[in-house]
Structures are given as C-alpha cells and as structure tokens.
Protein backbone atom coordinates (compact mmCIF):
# COMPACT_ATOMS: atom_id res chain seq x y z
CA UNK A 1 163.09 74.02 135.08
CA UNK A 2 161.67 76.21 132.24
CA UNK A 3 159.27 73.72 130.46
CA UNK A 4 156.30 75.43 128.42
CA UNK A 5 152.92 73.86 128.91
CA UNK A 6 150.04 74.57 126.49
CA UNK A 7 148.11 76.59 129.04
CA UNK A 8 151.46 78.80 129.72
CA UNK A 9 152.91 79.30 126.02
CA UNK A 10 153.09 82.76 125.08
CA UNK A 11 150.22 82.88 122.19
CA UNK A 12 152.40 85.64 120.27
CA UNK A 13 155.25 83.42 120.03
CA UNK A 14 153.74 81.57 117.03
CA UNK A 15 150.51 81.07 115.51
CA UNK A 16 148.84 77.87 116.17
CA UNK A 17 148.48 75.45 113.20
CA UNK A 18 145.54 72.77 113.41
CA UNK A 19 145.00 69.98 111.51
CA UNK A 20 142.02 69.20 109.84
CA UNK A 21 140.79 66.52 112.82
CA UNK A 22 141.46 69.19 115.40
CA UNK A 23 139.63 71.70 113.49
CA UNK A 24 136.63 69.61 113.32
CA UNK A 25 137.08 68.45 116.84
CA UNK A 26 137.26 72.54 117.86
CA UNK A 27 134.19 73.17 115.78
CA UNK A 28 132.01 70.24 117.44
CA UNK A 29 133.42 71.37 120.65
CA UNK A 30 131.91 74.74 120.13
CA UNK A 31 128.85 73.77 118.74
CA UNK A 32 128.11 71.54 122.01
CA UNK A 33 129.29 73.95 124.25
CA UNK A 34 126.77 76.35 122.81
CA UNK A 35 123.99 74.21 123.12
CA UNK A 36 125.01 73.24 126.92
CA UNK A 37 124.90 77.05 127.61
CA UNK A 38 121.53 77.40 125.97
CA UNK A 39 119.86 74.56 127.78
CA UNK A 40 121.64 75.99 131.41
CA UNK A 41 119.97 79.25 130.26
CA UNK A 42 116.33 77.93 129.60
CA UNK A 43 116.77 75.85 133.10
CA UNK A 44 117.28 79.01 134.74
CA UNK A 45 114.68 81.03 133.18
CA UNK A 46 112.29 78.00 133.76
CA UNK A 47 113.33 77.96 137.35
CA UNK A 48 112.59 81.67 137.78
CA UNK A 49 109.50 81.59 135.91
CA UNK A 50 110.53 83.73 133.34
CA UNK A 51 109.34 81.96 130.31
CA UNK A 52 105.85 81.68 129.41
CA UNK A 53 104.10 78.19 128.08
CA UNK A 54 103.44 80.00 124.43
CA UNK A 55 107.55 80.48 124.41
CA UNK A 56 108.66 77.15 125.55
CA UNK A 57 106.06 75.59 122.98
CA UNK A 58 107.79 77.76 120.40
CA UNK A 59 110.86 76.59 121.10
CA UNK A 60 110.04 72.84 121.08
CA UNK A 61 108.13 73.34 117.58
CA UNK A 62 111.37 74.75 115.66
CA UNK A 63 114.18 72.75 117.18
CA UNK A 64 117.78 73.45 116.38
CA UNK A 65 118.88 70.61 114.46
CA UNK A 66 121.72 68.49 115.34
CA UNK A 67 124.66 68.48 113.09
CA UNK A 68 123.95 65.99 110.07
CA UNK A 69 126.31 63.61 108.63
CA UNK A 70 125.90 65.89 105.46
CA UNK A 71 127.14 69.07 107.66
CA UNK A 72 130.29 66.68 108.67
CA UNK A 73 130.84 65.65 105.03
CA UNK A 74 130.71 69.49 104.04
CA UNK A 75 132.87 70.21 106.97
CA UNK A 76 135.40 67.71 105.95
CA UNK A 77 135.75 68.70 102.27
CA UNK A 78 136.27 72.34 103.21
CA UNK A 79 139.14 71.50 105.46
CA UNK A 80 140.52 68.86 102.42
CA UNK A 81 140.14 72.04 100.35
CA UNK A 82 142.16 74.26 102.76
CA UNK A 83 144.73 71.66 103.00
CA UNK A 84 145.12 71.23 99.32
CA UNK A 85 145.56 75.03 99.27
CA UNK A 86 148.27 75.15 101.75
CA UNK A 87 150.39 72.09 100.76
CA UNK A 88 153.28 72.76 98.16
CA UNK A 89 152.52 72.11 94.75
CA UNK A 90 153.89 67.89 93.98
CA UNK A 91 157.04 68.10 91.48
CA UNK A 92 155.70 66.97 87.87
CA UNK A 93 157.29 63.41 87.01
CA UNK A 94 160.86 63.39 86.53
CA UNK A 95 161.64 67.01 88.46
CA UNK A 96 163.37 66.92 91.35
C-alpha cells in the first residue's frame, strides 16, 4: 500500500493551502509555543541561579500581554481580506 500521510508527504509536491481557521490556529499555536519556551528558559535560569532578583522584577513589571479579542478580530479581518483577494470575481447579474 502506498498511502501518503501528512507526515510522509513530499512537501515539494504541492504548496499547502490553509483556510482561515487553520491559519488562525497556527498563529495561536506559534504564540503558545513561544510562551512555553520562554517559561521553560526562565525556569531553567532560576534553577541555575542565573537571573538576579532585579531581572525578575523587571520581567514581572513589564509582562508580555496575552492575545486580546482585538488581536483576534484584526487577524480575522486580515484573513478575510486575503480570502477576498484569492477568490475569483463573482459574475455580474445576467452573466454566466
């Protein structure tokens, strides 16, 4: 059987096309992954005594804001704009 799975598919065979929801999920996943990596790095630095209390206080005083509903709305607008540009024009009434 020669079934290709997503993991084994040749990435050069065809470009990947993601719909709006997939692109939003990928963006949120990337942000979550970055936040987890940052947290892991901070935990490791704390465990090894690398960070001073002044650095920790600076991090706490200026946290990176979480994604907001306005951010999501902006992403959705951008995706809708991309989809509108990618879709073929609709025929005028009476045209086929």
